[in-house]
PDB file of N, CA and C in Angstrom:
ATOM      1  N   MET A   1       2.786 172.889  -2.084  1.00  0.00           N
ATOM      2  CA  MET A   1       3.290 171.802  -1.280  1.00  0.00           C
ATOM      3  C   MET A   1       4.040 172.391  -0.072  1.00  0.00           C
ATOM      4  N   PRO A   2       3.639 172.050   1.136  1.00  0.00           N
ATOM      5  CA  PRO A   2       4.241 172.637   2.341  1.00  0.00           C
ATOM      6  C   PRO A   2       5.704 172.260   2.548  1.00  0.00           C
ATOM      7  N   ILE A   3       6.097 171.044   2.160  1.00  0.00           N
ATOM      8  CA  ILE A   3       7.494 170.643   2.255  1.00  0.00           C
ATOM      9  C   ILE A   3       7.940 170.218   0.865  1.00  0.00           C
ATOM     10  N   GLU A   4       8.988 170.870   0.385  1.00  0.00           N
ATOM     11  CA  GLU A   4       9.565 170.508  -0.903  1.00  0.00           C
ATOM     12  C   GLU A   4      10.794 169.648  -0.628  1.00  0.00           C
ATOM     13  N   PHE A   5      10.729 168.402  -1.029  1.00  0.00           N
ATOM     14  CA  PHE A   5      11.828 167.475  -0.813  1.00  0.00           C
ATOM     15  C   PHE A   5      12.763 167.516  -2.012  1.00  0.00           C
ATOM     16  N   LYS A   6      14.012 167.836  -1.750  1.00  0.00           N
ATOM     17  CA  LYS A   6      15.037 167.858  -2.785  1.00  0.00           C
ATOM     18  C   LYS A   6      15.979 166.689  -2.541  1.00  0.00           C
ATOM     19  N   ARG A   7      17.052 166.628  -3.277  1.00  0.00           N
ATOM     20  CA  ARG A   7      17.978 165.495  -3.167  1.00  0.00           C
ATOM     21  C   ARG A   7      18.471 165.311  -1.728  1.00  0.00           C
ATOM     22  N   SER A   8      18.967 166.368  -1.106  1.00  0.00           N
ATOM     23  CA  SER A   8      19.530 166.231   0.240  1.00  0.00           C
ATOM     24  C   SER A   8      19.023 167.288   1.209  1.00  0.00           C
ATOM     25  N   SER A   9      17.918 167.940   0.851  1.00  0.00           N
ATOM     26  CA  SER A   9      17.353 168.937   1.750  1.00  0.00           C
ATOM     27  C   SER A   9      15.826 168.981   1.613  1.00  0.00           C
ATOM     28  N   ALA A  10      15.209 169.451   2.670  1.00  0.00           N
ATOM     29  CA  ALA A  10      13.760 169.646   2.683  1.00  0.00           C
ATOM     30  C   ALA A  10      13.508 171.113   2.989  1.00  0.00           C
ATOM     31  N   VAL A  11      12.698 171.751   2.183  1.00  0.00           N
ATOM     32  CA  VAL A  11      12.386 173.166   2.356  1.00  0.00           C
ATOM     33  C   VAL A  11      10.947 173.284   2.852  1.00  0.00           C
ATOM     34  N   PHE A  12      10.799 173.864   4.044  1.00  0.00           N
ATOM     35  CA  PHE A  12       9.484 174.030   4.649  1.00  0.00           C
ATOM     36  C   PHE A  12       8.926 175.388   4.240  1.00  0.00           C
ATOM     37  N   ARG A  13       7.655 175.399   3.816  1.00  0.00           N
ATOM     38  CA  ARG A  13       7.012 176.643   3.387  1.00  0.00           C
ATOM     39  C   ARG A  13       5.669 176.808   4.100  1.00  0.00           C
ATOM     40  N   ASP A  14       5.468 177.986   4.625  1.00  0.00           N
ATOM     41  CA  ASP A  14       4.206 178.369   5.250  1.00  0.00           C
ATOM     42  C   ASP A  14       3.822 177.442   6.402  1.00  0.00           C
ATOM     43  N   VAL A  15       2.633 176.885   6.356  1.00  0.00           N
ATOM     44  CA  VAL A  15       2.098 176.073   7.454  1.00  0.00           C
ATOM     45  C   VAL A  15       2.395 174.600   7.203  1.00  0.00           C
ATOM     46  N   ILE A  16       3.081 173.975   8.167  1.00  0.00           N
ATOM     47  CA  ILE A  16       3.397 172.556   8.076  1.00  0.00           C
ATOM     48  C   ILE A  16       2.474 171.837   9.058  1.00  0.00           C
ATOM     49  N   SER A  17       1.508 171.114   8.534  1.00  0.00           N
ATOM     50  CA  SER A  17       0.471 170.495   9.363  1.00  0.00           C
ATOM     51  C   SER A  17       0.836 169.066   9.741  1.00  0.00           C
ATOM     52  N   VAL A  18      -0.007 168.465  10.545  1.00  0.00           N
ATOM     53  CA  VAL A  18       0.212 167.101  11.017  1.00  0.00           C
ATOM     54  C   VAL A  18       0.284 166.114   9.854  1.00  0.00           C
ATOM     55  N   GLU A  19      -0.387 166.403   8.768  1.00  0.00           N
ATOM     56  CA  GLU A  19      -0.403 165.493   7.627  1.00  0.00           C
ATOM     57  C   GLU A  19       0.976 165.290   7.007  1.00  0.00           C
ATOM     58  N   GLU A  20       1.893 166.229   7.210  1.00  0.00           N
ATOM     59  CA  GLU A  20       3.227 166.124   6.632  1.00  0.00           C
ATOM     60  C   GLU A  20       4.187 165.274   7.462  1.00  0.00           C
ATOM     61  N   ALA A  21       3.844 164.976   8.704  1.00  0.00           N
ATOM     62  CA  ALA A  21       4.782 164.317   9.619  1.00  0.00           C
ATOM     63  C   ALA A  21       5.246 162.944   9.140  1.00  0.00           C
ATOM     64  N   GLU A  22       4.350 162.118   8.669  1.00  0.00           N
ATOM     65  CA  GLU A  22       4.734 160.769   8.254  1.00  0.00           C
ATOM     66  C   GLU A  22       5.675 160.801   7.050  1.00  0.00           C
ATOM     67  N   GLY A  23       5.351 161.625   6.073  1.00  0.00           N
ATOM     68  CA  GLY A  23       6.216 161.753   4.900  1.00  0.00           C
ATOM     69  C   GLY A  23       7.580 162.311   5.263  1.00  0.00           C
ATOM     70  N   LEU A  24       7.608 163.277   6.168  1.00  0.00           N
ATOM     71  CA  LEU A  24       8.868 163.842   6.629  1.00  0.00           C
ATOM     72  C   LEU A  24       9.709 162.785   7.321  1.00  0.00           C
ATOM     73  N   LEU A  25       9.105 162.014   8.191  1.00  0.00           N
ATOM     74  CA  LEU A  25       9.818 160.951   8.892  1.00  0.00           C
ATOM     75  C   LEU A  25      10.407 159.947   7.899  1.00  0.00           C
ATOM     76  N   GLU A  26       9.614 159.499   6.948  1.00  0.00           N
ATOM     77  CA  GLU A  26      10.089 158.531   5.959  1.00  0.00           C
ATOM     78  C   GLU A  26      11.243 159.092   5.145  1.00  0.00           C
ATOM     79  N   TRP A  27      11.139 160.348   4.739  1.00  0.00           N
ATOM     80  CA  TRP A  27      12.189 160.971   3.939  1.00  0.00           C
ATOM     81  C   TRP A  27      13.481 161.093   4.751  1.00  0.00           C
ATOM     82  N   LEU A  28      13.369 161.546   5.994  1.00  0.00           N
ATOM     83  CA  LEU A  28      14.560 161.687   6.833  1.00  0.00           C
ATOM     84  C   LEU A  28      15.215 160.342   7.137  1.00  0.00           C
ATOM     85  N   GLN A  29      14.428 159.298   7.254  1.00  0.00           N
ATOM     86  CA  GLN A  29      14.996 157.970   7.484  1.00  0.00           C
ATOM     87  C   GLN A  29      15.798 157.492   6.271  1.00  0.00           C
ATOM     88  N   ARG A  30      15.369 157.887   5.082  1.00  0.00           N
ATOM     89  CA  ARG A  30      16.080 157.502   3.855  1.00  0.00           C
ATOM     90  C   ARG A  30      17.270 158.416   3.564  1.00  0.00           C
ATOM     91  N   LYS A  31      17.324 159.569   4.226  1.00  0.00           N
ATOM     92  CA  LYS A  31      18.336 160.586   3.926  1.00  0.00           C
ATOM     93  C   LYS A  31      19.127 160.983   5.174  1.00  0.00           C
ATOM     94  N   PRO A  32      19.919 160.082   5.729  1.00  0.00           N
ATOM     95  CA  PRO A  32      20.727 160.496   6.881  1.00  0.00           C
ATOM     96  C   PRO A  32      21.688 161.603   6.438  1.00  0.00           C
ATOM     97  N   GLY A  33      21.854 162.593   7.250  1.00  0.00           N
ATOM     98  CA  GLY A  33      22.698 163.724   6.885  1.00  0.00           C
ATOM     99  C   GLY A  33      21.971 164.807   6.113  1.00  0.00           C
ATOM    100  N   ALA A  34      20.663 164.663   5.951  1.00  0.00           N
ATOM    101  CA  ALA A  34      19.876 165.655   5.214  1.00  0.00           C
ATOM    102  C   ALA A  34      19.823 166.978   5.968  1.00  0.00           C
ATOM    103  N   LYS A  35      19.546 168.038   5.218  1.00  0.00           N
ATOM    104  CA  LYS A  35      19.385 169.374   5.793  1.00  0.00           C
ATOM    105  C   LYS A  35      17.928 169.791   5.681  1.00  0.00           C
ATOM    106  N   VAL A  36      17.518 170.635   6.613  1.00  0.00           N
ATOM    107  CA  VAL A  36      16.151 171.148   6.623  1.00  0.00           C
ATOM    108  C   VAL A  36      16.215 172.670   6.662  1.00  0.00           C
ATOM    109  N   ASP A  37      15.493 173.303   5.740  1.00  0.00           N
ATOM    110  CA  ASP A  37      15.425 174.762   5.659  1.00  0.00           C
ATOM    111  C   ASP A  37      14.055 175.207   6.165  1.00  0.00           C
ATOM    112  N   LEU A  38      14.052 175.877   7.296  1.00  0.00           N
ATOM    113  CA  LEU A  38      12.812 176.337   7.922  1.00  0.00           C
ATOM    114  C   LEU A  38      12.550 177.823   7.688  1.00  0.00           C
ATOM    115  N   ALA A  39      13.371 178.477   6.866  1.00  0.00           N
ATOM    116  CA  ALA A  39      13.307 179.925   6.708  1.00  0.00           C
ATOM    117  C   ALA A  39      11.923 180.444   6.306  1.00  0.00           C
ATOM    118  N   SER A  40      11.213 179.723   5.468  1.00  0.00           N
ATOM    119  CA  SER A  40       9.895 180.181   5.001  1.00  0.00           C
ATOM    120  C   SER A  40       8.744 179.556   5.772  1.00  0.00           C
ATOM    121  N   CYS A  41       9.043 178.864   6.854  1.00  0.00           N
ATOM    122  CA  CYS A  41       8.007 178.218   7.664  1.00  0.00           C
ATOM    123  C   CYS A  41       7.349 179.249   8.582  1.00  0.00           C
ATOM    124  N   SER A  42       6.026 179.266   8.609  1.00  0.00           N
ATOM    125  CA  SER A  42       5.306 180.192   9.491  1.00  0.00           C
ATOM    126  C   SER A  42       4.609 179.472  10.640  1.00  0.00           C
ATOM    127  N   HIS A  43       4.430 178.160  10.529  1.00  0.00           N
ATOM    128  CA  HIS A  43       3.812 177.350  11.589  1.00  0.00           C
ATOM    129  C   HIS A  43       4.255 175.908  11.401  1.00  0.00           C
ATOM    130  N   LEU A  44       4.613 175.267  12.511  1.00  0.00           N
ATOM    131  CA  LEU A  44       5.059 173.881  12.469  1.00  0.00           C
ATOM    132  C   LEU A  44       4.269 173.083  13.488  1.00  0.00           C
ATOM    133  N   HIS A  45       3.495 172.112  13.013  1.00  0.00           N
ATOM    134  CA  HIS A  45       2.736 171.259  13.930  1.00  0.00           C
ATOM    135  C   HIS A  45       3.725 170.467  14.779  1.00  0.00           C
ATOM    136  N   THR A  46       3.374 170.227  16.025  1.00  0.00           N
ATOM    137  CA  THR A  46       4.290 169.562  16.956  1.00  0.00           C
ATOM    138  C   THR A  46       4.658 168.138  16.524  1.00  0.00           C
ATOM    139  N   ALA A  47       3.843 167.478  15.726  1.00  0.00           N
ATOM    140  CA  ALA A  47       4.205 166.148  15.220  1.00  0.00           C
ATOM    141  C   ALA A  47       5.470 166.246  14.365  1.00  0.00           C
ATOM    142  N   ASN A  48       5.568 167.298  13.576  1.00  0.00           N
ATOM    143  CA  ASN A  48       6.756 167.515  12.757  1.00  0.00           C
ATOM    144  C   ASN A  48       7.948 167.911  13.617  1.00  0.00           C
ATOM    145  N   LEU A  49       7.699 168.672  14.660  1.00  0.00           N
ATOM    146  CA  LEU A  49       8.766 169.020  15.593  1.00  0.00           C
ATOM    147  C   LEU A  49       9.337 167.756  16.227  1.00  0.00           C
ATOM    148  N   GLN A  50       8.479 166.836  16.610  1.00  0.00           N
ATOM    149  CA  GLN A  50       8.935 165.584  17.202  1.00  0.00           C
ATOM    150  C   GLN A  50       9.795 164.788  16.217  1.00  0.00           C
ATOM    151  N   VAL A  51       9.403 164.783  14.957  1.00  0.00           N
ATOM    152  CA  VAL A  51      10.195 164.098  13.928  1.00  0.00           C
ATOM    153  C   VAL A  51      11.578 164.748  13.851  1.00  0.00           C
ATOM    154  N   LEU A  52      11.613 166.076  13.809  1.00  0.00           N
ATOM    155  CA  LEU A  52      12.889 166.788  13.718  1.00  0.00           C
ATOM    156  C   LEU A  52      13.748 166.562  14.966  1.00  0.00           C
ATOM    157  N   MET A  53      13.121 166.541  16.130  1.00  0.00           N
ATOM    158  CA  MET A  53      13.866 166.313  17.360  1.00  0.00           C
ATOM    159  C   MET A  53      14.478 164.921  17.386  1.00  0.00           C
ATOM    160  N   THR A  54      13.790 163.953  16.828  1.00  0.00           N
ATOM    161  CA  THR A  54      14.275 162.577  16.799  1.00  0.00           C
ATOM    162  C   THR A  54      15.345 162.385  15.729  1.00  0.00           C
ATOM    163  N   ALA A  55      15.108 162.900  14.534  1.00  0.00           N
ATOM    164  CA  ALA A  55      16.022 162.694  13.404  1.00  0.00           C
ATOM    165  C   ALA A  55      17.280 163.561  13.504  1.00  0.00           C
ATOM    166  N   ARG A  56      17.187 164.724  14.149  1.00  0.00           N
ATOM    167  CA  ARG A  56      18.308 165.642  14.338  1.00  0.00           C
ATOM    168  C   ARG A  56      19.006 166.041  13.031  1.00  0.00           C
ATOM    169  N   PRO A  57      18.238 166.466  12.012  1.00  0.00           N
ATOM    170  CA  PRO A  57      18.894 166.911  10.778  1.00  0.00           C
ATOM    171  C   PRO A  57      19.585 168.253  11.002  1.00  0.00           C
ATOM    172  N   THR A  58      20.477 168.592  10.110  1.00  0.00           N
ATOM    173  CA  THR A  58      21.101 169.915  10.131  1.00  0.00           C
ATOM    174  C   THR A  58      20.059 170.938   9.693  1.00  0.00           C
ATOM    175  N   ILE A  59      19.923 172.008  10.448  1.00  0.00           N
ATOM    176  CA  ILE A  59      18.992 173.080  10.084  1.00  0.00           C
ATOM    177  C   ILE A  59      19.791 174.116   9.294  1.00  0.00           C
ATOM    178  N   SER A  60      19.437 174.295   8.034  1.00  0.00           N
ATOM    179  CA  SER A  60      20.190 175.210   7.174  1.00  0.00           C
ATOM    180  C   SER A  60      19.601 176.616   7.152  1.00  0.00           C
ATOM    181  N   GLY A  61      18.385 176.771   7.634  1.00  0.00           N
ATOM    182  CA  GLY A  61      17.747 178.085   7.695  1.00  0.00           C
ATOM    183  C   GLY A  61      16.674 178.090   8.760  1.00  0.00           C
ATOM    184  N   TRP A  62      16.663 179.123   9.569  1.00  0.00           N
ATOM    185  CA  TRP A  62      15.687 179.237  10.654  1.00  0.00           C
ATOM    186  C   TRP A  62      14.540 180.149  10.231  1.00  0.00           C
ATOM    187  N   PRO A  63      13.345 179.985  10.831  1.00  0.00           N
ATOM    188  CA  PRO A  63      12.194 180.821  10.461  1.00  0.00           C
ATOM    189  C   PRO A  63      12.466 182.308  10.637  1.00  0.00           C
ATOM    190  N   GLU A  64      11.869 183.095   9.772  1.00  0.00           N
ATOM    191  CA  GLU A  64      11.972 184.551   9.872  1.00  0.00           C
ATOM    192  C   GLU A  64      11.211 185.076  11.082  1.00  0.00           C
ATOM    193  N   ASN A  65      10.110 184.422  11.443  1.00  0.00           N
ATOM    194  CA  ASN A  65       9.317 184.819  12.601  1.00  0.00           C
ATOM    195  C   ASN A  65      10.145 184.588  13.870  1.00  0.00           C
ATOM    196  N   ALA A  66      10.401 185.648  14.620  1.00  0.00           N
ATOM    197  CA  ALA A  66      11.290 185.575  15.785  1.00  0.00           C
ATOM    198  C   ALA A  66      10.784 184.618  16.863  1.00  0.00           C
ATOM    199  N   GLN A  67       9.488 184.614  17.124  1.00  0.00           N
ATOM    200  CA  GLN A  67       8.948 183.730  18.157  1.00  0.00           C
ATOM    201  C   GLN A  67       9.068 182.265  17.744  1.00  0.00           C
ATOM    202  N   LEU A  68       8.721 181.963  16.508  1.00  0.00           N
ATOM    203  CA  LEU A  68       8.830 180.587  16.018  1.00  0.00           C
ATOM    204  C   LEU A  68      10.290 180.156  16.001  1.00  0.00           C
ATOM    205  N   ARG A  69      11.158 181.049  15.573  1.00  0.00           N
ATOM    206  CA  ARG A  69      12.589 180.724  15.546  1.00  0.00           C
ATOM    207  C   ARG A  69      13.101 180.412  16.951  1.00  0.00           C
ATOM    208  N   ALA A  70      12.766 181.240  17.913  1.00  0.00           N
ATOM    209  CA  ALA A  70      13.229 181.016  19.291  1.00  0.00           C
ATOM    210  C   ALA A  70      12.731 179.688  19.826  1.00  0.00           C
ATOM    211  N   TRP A  71      11.461 179.384  19.559  1.00  0.00           N
ATOM    212  CA  TRP A  71      10.860 178.127  20.018  1.00  0.00           C
ATOM    213  C   TRP A  71      11.571 176.931  19.404  1.00  0.00           C
ATOM    214  N   LEU A  72      11.805 176.998  18.084  1.00  0.00           N
ATOM    215  CA  LEU A  72      12.442 175.889  17.400  1.00  0.00           C
ATOM    216  C   LEU A  72      13.920 175.745  17.751  1.00  0.00           C
ATOM    217  N   GLU A  73      14.618 176.860  17.870  1.00  0.00           N
ATOM    218  CA  GLU A  73      16.025 176.788  18.245  1.00  0.00           C
ATOM    219  C   GLU A  73      16.189 176.149  19.631  1.00  0.00           C
ATOM    220  N   THR A  74      15.314 176.489  20.531  1.00  0.00           N
ATOM    221  CA  THR A  74      15.368 175.905  21.873  1.00  0.00           C
ATOM    222  C   THR A  74      15.103 174.411  21.826  1.00  0.00           C
ATOM    223  N   ALA A  75      14.116 174.005  21.050  1.00  0.00           N
ATOM    224  CA  ALA A  75      13.752 172.591  20.974  1.00  0.00           C
ATOM    225  C   ALA A  75      14.769 171.761  20.200  1.00  0.00           C
ATOM    226  N   LEU A  76      15.337 172.333  19.159  1.00  0.00           N
ATOM    227  CA  LEU A  76      16.215 171.559  18.279  1.00  0.00           C
ATOM    228  C   LEU A  76      17.703 171.691  18.614  1.00  0.00           C
ATOM    229  N   ASN A  77      18.048 172.640  19.469  1.00  0.00           N
ATOM    230  CA  ASN A  77      19.422 172.813  19.923  1.00  0.00           C
ATOM    231  C   ASN A  77      19.455 172.872  21.437  1.00  0.00           C
ATOM    232  N   PRO A  78      19.072 171.785  22.107  1.00  0.00           N
ATOM    233  CA  PRO A  78      18.913 171.837  23.564  1.00  0.00           C
ATOM    234  C   PRO A  78      20.191 172.164  24.333  1.00  0.00           C
ATOM    235  N   GLY A  79      21.351 171.862  23.790  1.00  0.00           N
ATOM    236  CA  GLY A  79      22.600 172.135  24.495  1.00  0.00           C
ATOM    237  C   GLY A  79      23.209 173.489  24.169  1.00  0.00           C
ATOM    238  N   ALA A  80      22.590 174.216  23.262  1.00  0.00           N
ATOM    239  CA  ALA A  80      23.168 175.505  22.835  1.00  0.00           C
ATOM    240  C   ALA A  80      22.892 176.607  23.822  1.00  0.00           C
TER     241      ALA A  80
END
């Protein structure tokens, strides 16, 4: 399973495709204040990025891949 949904956090693993976007959006809408762990994510489809940009969850772990991390940090922390 690419996204493991826990009580108050979502753990992204490997490739997160467009198919996960709707479920992610629904889960984040039900879980305000949720955290997202991207540490094990190797690819994130832009539909999921848009969900994250809109929902603005706390990111508890950034991807190990430096390029993906830089891209996501820029998109998800625009004022940093």
